[in-house]
């Protein structure tokens, strides 16, 4: 399983990509990633939810899950991500940045 996180927006609108892949993670981290992806339940999340008004400098995240030859992507504003999805985003950012 691989999770690719593309972050854009903010004051400078700089696009950055972060990746977490169970092939390169320690076993414990790989299991944690699987649990976070399962809890985020992206299969039932709209691909492009309507952002909340205001805050033009907010970050946007494009989350792509690659698993068993299937791929699912969604885009979400930082202030409209459900709690489980926000935990996944935070975890991938933390792991990818070391």
Protein backbone atom coordinates (compact mmCIF):
# COMPACT_ATOMS: atom_id res chain seq x y z
CA UNK A 1 0.00 0.00 0.00
CA UNK A 2 1.24 3.43 -0.89
CA UNK A 3 -0.18 6.79 0.20
CA UNK A 4 0.78 9.87 -1.80
CA UNK A 5 -0.09 13.24 -0.33
CA UNK A 6 0.13 16.38 -2.45
CA UNK A 7 -0.13 19.61 -0.47
CA UNK A 8 -0.81 22.92 -2.22
CA UNK A 9 -2.04 26.34 -1.19
CA UNK A 10 -0.85 28.38 1.75
CA UNK A 11 0.57 31.88 1.38
CA UNK A 12 3.17 30.89 -1.25
CA UNK A 13 1.03 28.24 -2.99
CA UNK A 14 3.98 25.85 -3.14
CA UNK A 15 3.09 22.29 -4.13
CA UNK A 16 4.86 19.50 -2.23
CA UNK A 17 4.45 15.74 -2.41
CA UNK A 18 4.89 13.32 0.49
CA UNK A 19 4.78 9.54 0.26
CA UNK A 20 4.45 6.64 2.69
CA UNK A 21 4.83 3.13 1.28
CA UNK A 22 4.43 -0.11 3.24
CA UNK A 23 7.25 -1.60 1.12
CA UNK A 24 9.76 0.80 2.65
CA UNK A 25 8.30 1.31 6.14
CA UNK A 26 9.08 -0.75 9.22
CA UNK A 27 6.47 -3.48 9.84
CA UNK A 28 4.89 -1.59 12.75
CA UNK A 29 4.63 1.61 10.71
CA UNK A 30 3.16 -0.31 7.77
CA UNK A 31 0.43 -1.74 10.00
CA UNK A 32 -0.25 1.70 11.45
CA UNK A 33 -0.59 3.12 7.93
CA UNK A 34 -3.05 0.37 6.96
CA UNK A 35 -5.17 1.09 10.05
CA UNK A 36 -5.18 4.83 9.37
CA UNK A 37 -6.22 4.30 5.73
CA UNK A 38 -8.98 1.92 6.80
CA UNK A 39 -10.25 4.38 9.43
CA UNK A 40 -10.22 7.28 6.94
CA UNK A 41 -12.69 5.30 4.75
CA UNK A 42 -11.88 7.13 1.51
CA UNK A 43 -14.20 4.85 -0.46
CA UNK A 44 -17.15 6.82 0.93
CA UNK A 45 -15.56 10.25 0.72
CA UNK A 46 -16.42 12.58 -2.21
CA UNK A 47 -13.51 13.13 -4.59
CA UNK A 48 -13.80 16.92 -4.42
CA UNK A 49 -15.87 18.03 -1.39
CA UNK A 50 -17.11 21.62 -1.24
CA UNK A 51 -14.62 23.74 0.74
CA UNK A 52 -15.75 26.04 3.49
CA UNK A 53 -15.85 29.75 2.58
CA UNK A 54 -13.03 32.11 3.52
CA UNK A 55 -9.35 31.45 4.24
CA UNK A 56 -7.88 31.73 0.74
CA UNK A 57 -4.45 30.81 2.20
CA UNK A 58 -5.50 27.37 3.47
CA UNK A 59 -3.74 24.18 2.41
CA UNK A 60 -5.40 21.65 0.13
CA UNK A 61 -4.47 17.99 0.16
CA UNK A 62 -4.78 15.50 -2.68
CA UNK A 63 -4.63 12.08 -1.02
CA UNK A 64 -4.04 9.08 -3.29
CA UNK A 65 -4.17 5.52 -1.98
CA UNK A 66 -2.62 2.82 -4.17
CA UNK A 67 -3.44 -0.71 -3.06
CA UNK A 68 -3.62 -4.02 -4.93
CA UNK A 69 -3.56 -2.44 -8.40
CA UNK A 70 -6.36 -0.04 -7.48
CA UNK A 71 -6.12 3.68 -6.87
CA UNK A 72 -8.42 6.16 -5.13
CA UNK A 73 -7.81 9.90 -4.88
CA UNK A 74 -9.64 12.64 -3.03
CA UNK A 75 -8.99 16.34 -2.52
CA UNK A 76 -9.79 18.09 0.73
CA UNK A 77 -9.16 21.49 2.33
CA UNK A 78 -7.23 21.40 5.59
CA UNK A 79 -10.18 22.71 7.59
CA UNK A 80 -12.78 20.35 6.13
CA UNK A 81 -11.04 16.99 6.53
CA UNK A 82 -12.87 14.60 8.87
CA UNK A 83 -10.88 13.67 11.98
CA UNK A 84 -9.86 10.21 10.73
CA UNK A 85 -8.61 11.64 7.43
CA UNK A 86 -6.75 14.41 9.25
CA UNK A 87 -4.96 11.77 11.37
CA UNK A 88 -3.85 10.02 8.16
CA UNK A 89 -2.64 13.31 6.63
CA UNK A 90 -0.73 14.26 9.78
CA UNK A 91 0.85 10.79 10.01
CA UNK A 92 2.04 10.78 6.38
CA UNK A 93 3.48 14.29 6.78
CA UNK A 94 5.32 13.29 9.94
CA UNK A 95 6.72 10.04 8.47
CA UNK A 96 7.69 11.57 5.11
CA UNK A 97 9.48 14.53 6.70
CA UNK A 98 11.44 12.29 9.06
